Amino acid sequence: MAWLSDASSGFNICWMSSWIEASRNAHSVVDCLMKRTTCSLGSVHLKALFPASQAVLLYQQLFVIKIILQHTQKVASYMKDTYAEEFRYYFQDPAIGRRLPTEYPLTASTLQLISEIVSRAFHGSFSRSQSTQSVGSY
C-alpha cells in the first residue's frame, strides 16, 4: 500500500497530507472522494442497514476527509468552499446513526469522525504541527 510508511508500517499522515498538497490533481482526488462519500451518506434515507464492508469503506473515506481538513491548508480551503452545502446536508443527517448497526465496532468511531469533520468544515483551522503524527493501520 502506497500510504504505508516504511519506518512505522503505519498510516503516515504527514506523507499523505504532503502528497495531497503537492498533487496537481488534488482537486480531482477531493472531488472523487466527496462524490463517493456523499453518495454513501446520501443513501441513509433507505431503510436498509449499511453492510459491514460499506461501513468500513465509509469510515476510511471519512478518515481521509478529516486528515485533509486537518492537515492540508490549500486543499482544505478548496474542500470547505466547494462542498459547504454537502457538509451541511449530508454529514449532519441523523439517519446515518440509524443505518450503522451498534454491533459494528466502527459505528461509534464513524459517528465521531462525522462530528469532527463537520466541526472542522465550519469552525476548524489548519494545523500543520499535528501533521507529523502517524496513526496505526485501521
Protein backbone atom coordinates (compact mmCIF):
# COMPACT_ATOMS: atom_id res chain seq x y z
CA MET A 1 0.00 0.00 0.00
CA ALA A 2 1.44 3.34 -1.06
CA TRP A 3 0.35 5.19 2.07
CA LEU A 4 2.25 3.00 4.49
CA SER A 5 5.41 4.36 5.98
CA ASP A 6 8.48 2.14 5.69
CA ALA A 7 9.65 3.13 9.15
CA SER A 8 6.48 2.53 11.13
CA SER A 9 4.33 0.31 8.90
CA GLY A 10 1.52 2.65 9.90
CA PHE A 11 -0.65 5.15 8.11
CA ASN A 12 1.61 8.16 7.62
CA ILE A 13 -0.46 11.32 7.87
CA CYS A 14 2.46 13.61 7.09
CA TRP A 15 3.22 11.81 3.83
CA MET A 16 -0.41 11.71 2.75
CA SER A 17 -1.06 15.38 3.50
CA SER A 18 2.15 16.42 1.74
CA TRP A 19 1.26 14.30 -1.28
CA ILE A 20 -2.23 15.77 -1.49
CA GLU A 21 -0.98 19.36 -1.11
CA ALA A 22 1.64 18.85 -3.83
CA SER A 23 -0.54 16.93 -6.25
CA ARG A 24 -1.63 18.69 -9.42
CA ASN A 25 -4.74 16.52 -9.27
CA ALA A 26 -5.63 17.29 -5.64
CA HIS A 27 -8.97 18.84 -6.54
CA SER A 28 -9.88 15.80 -8.65
CA VAL A 29 -8.96 13.49 -5.78
CA VAL A 30 -11.11 15.53 -3.40
CA ASP A 31 -13.99 15.67 -5.89
CA CYS A 32 -13.95 11.89 -6.31
CA LEU A 33 -13.67 11.29 -2.56
CA MET A 34 -16.51 13.68 -1.77
CA LYS A 35 -18.70 12.24 -4.51
CA ARG A 36 -18.28 8.71 -3.19
CA THR A 37 -18.74 9.74 0.43
CA THR A 38 -21.82 11.88 -0.16
CA CYS A 39 -23.26 9.07 -2.27
CA SER A 40 -22.89 6.71 0.69
CA LEU A 41 -24.18 9.26 3.16
CA GLY A 42 -26.98 10.32 0.82
CA SER A 43 -28.35 6.82 0.76
CA VAL A 44 -29.09 6.96 4.50
CA HIS A 45 -32.76 7.60 3.81
CA LEU A 46 -33.03 3.98 2.74
CA LYS A 47 -34.24 1.70 5.49
CA ALA A 48 -31.56 -0.96 4.99
CA LEU A 49 -28.52 -1.05 7.23
CA PHE A 50 -25.05 -0.46 5.83
CA PRO A 51 -23.38 -3.80 5.05
CA ALA A 52 -20.18 -4.23 7.09
CA SER A 53 -17.94 -3.72 4.04
CA GLN A 54 -19.68 -0.45 3.16
CA ALA A 55 -19.40 0.75 6.78
CA VAL A 56 -15.63 0.11 6.70
CA LEU A 57 -15.28 1.91 3.37
CA LEU A 58 -17.29 4.85 4.73
CA TYR A 59 -15.02 5.02 7.79
CA GLN A 60 -11.91 5.03 5.58
CA GLN A 61 -13.30 7.79 3.36
CA LEU A 62 -14.27 9.88 6.38
CA PHE A 63 -10.83 9.39 7.90
CA VAL A 64 -9.15 10.73 4.75
CA ILE A 65 -11.56 13.70 4.65
CA LYS A 66 -10.72 14.51 8.26
CA ILE A 67 -6.97 14.36 7.53
CA ILE A 68 -7.39 16.66 4.53
CA LEU A 69 -9.38 19.17 6.57
CA GLN A 70 -6.94 18.96 9.45
CA HIS A 71 -3.57 18.97 7.71
CA THR A 72 -3.75 20.47 4.21
CA GLN A 73 -4.34 24.19 4.08
CA LYS A 74 -4.98 24.79 0.36
CA VAL A 75 -6.91 21.61 -0.31
CA ALA A 76 -8.94 22.01 2.90
CA SER A 77 -9.91 25.53 1.80
CA TYR A 78 -10.99 24.19 -1.58
CA MET A 79 -12.98 21.43 0.12
CA LYS A 80 -14.68 23.81 2.57
CA ASP A 81 -15.59 26.30 -0.17
CA THR A 82 -16.71 23.79 -2.76
CA TYR A 83 -18.55 21.35 -0.50
CA ALA A 84 -20.05 23.58 2.20
CA GLU A 85 -23.57 22.52 1.23
CA GLU A 86 -22.64 18.84 1.29
CA PHE A 87 -21.14 19.22 4.79
CA ARG A 88 -24.31 20.97 5.88
CA TYR A 89 -26.74 18.47 4.37
CA TYR A 90 -25.16 15.01 4.08
CA PHE A 91 -22.79 14.99 7.05
CA GLN A 92 -25.33 16.21 9.61
CA ASP A 93 -28.15 13.80 8.80
CA PRO A 94 -29.26 11.97 11.98
CA ALA A 95 -30.31 8.97 9.87
CA ILE A 96 -26.65 8.00 9.48
CA GLY A 97 -26.55 6.69 13.04
CA ARG A 98 -29.65 4.60 12.46
CA ARG A 99 -28.07 2.88 9.44
CA LEU A 100 -24.88 1.90 11.23
CA PRO A 101 -25.67 -1.07 13.48
CA THR A 102 -24.47 -0.70 17.06
CA GLU A 103 -22.77 -4.10 16.89
CA TYR A 104 -20.32 -2.84 14.25
CA PRO A 105 -17.04 -1.98 16.01
CA LEU A 106 -16.61 1.14 13.81
CA THR A 107 -20.04 2.67 14.46
CA ALA A 108 -19.04 4.92 17.35
CA SER A 109 -15.78 5.89 15.64
CA THR A 110 -17.59 6.66 12.38
CA LEU A 111 -20.11 8.91 14.11
CA GLN A 112 -17.25 10.64 15.97
CA LEU A 113 -15.41 11.20 12.67
CA ILE A 114 -18.52 12.74 11.13
CA SER A 115 -18.81 15.09 14.11
CA GLU A 116 -15.14 16.08 13.82
CA ILE A 117 -15.46 16.65 10.07
CA VAL A 118 -18.49 18.92 10.49
CA SER A 119 -16.69 20.84 13.23
CA ARG A 120 -13.57 21.27 11.06
CA ALA A 121 -15.58 22.16 7.97
CA PHE A 122 -17.35 25.02 9.70
CA HIS A 123 -15.09 26.05 12.58
CA GLY A 124 -11.75 24.29 12.23
CA SER A 125 -8.44 25.71 11.26
CA PHE A 126 -5.41 24.22 9.57
CA SER A 127 -2.88 22.59 11.88
CA ARG A 128 0.48 21.72 10.30
CA SER A 129 2.01 20.98 13.72
CA GLN A 130 -0.14 17.88 14.02
CA SER A 131 0.73 16.65 10.54
CA THR A 132 3.85 14.83 11.71
CA GLN A 133 1.78 12.27 13.60
CA SER A 134 1.36 8.74 12.31
CA VAL A 135 -1.62 6.58 13.02
CA GLY A 136 -1.53 2.80 13.03
CA SER A 137 -3.28 0.92 10.28
CA TYR A 138 -7.00 0.62 10.56
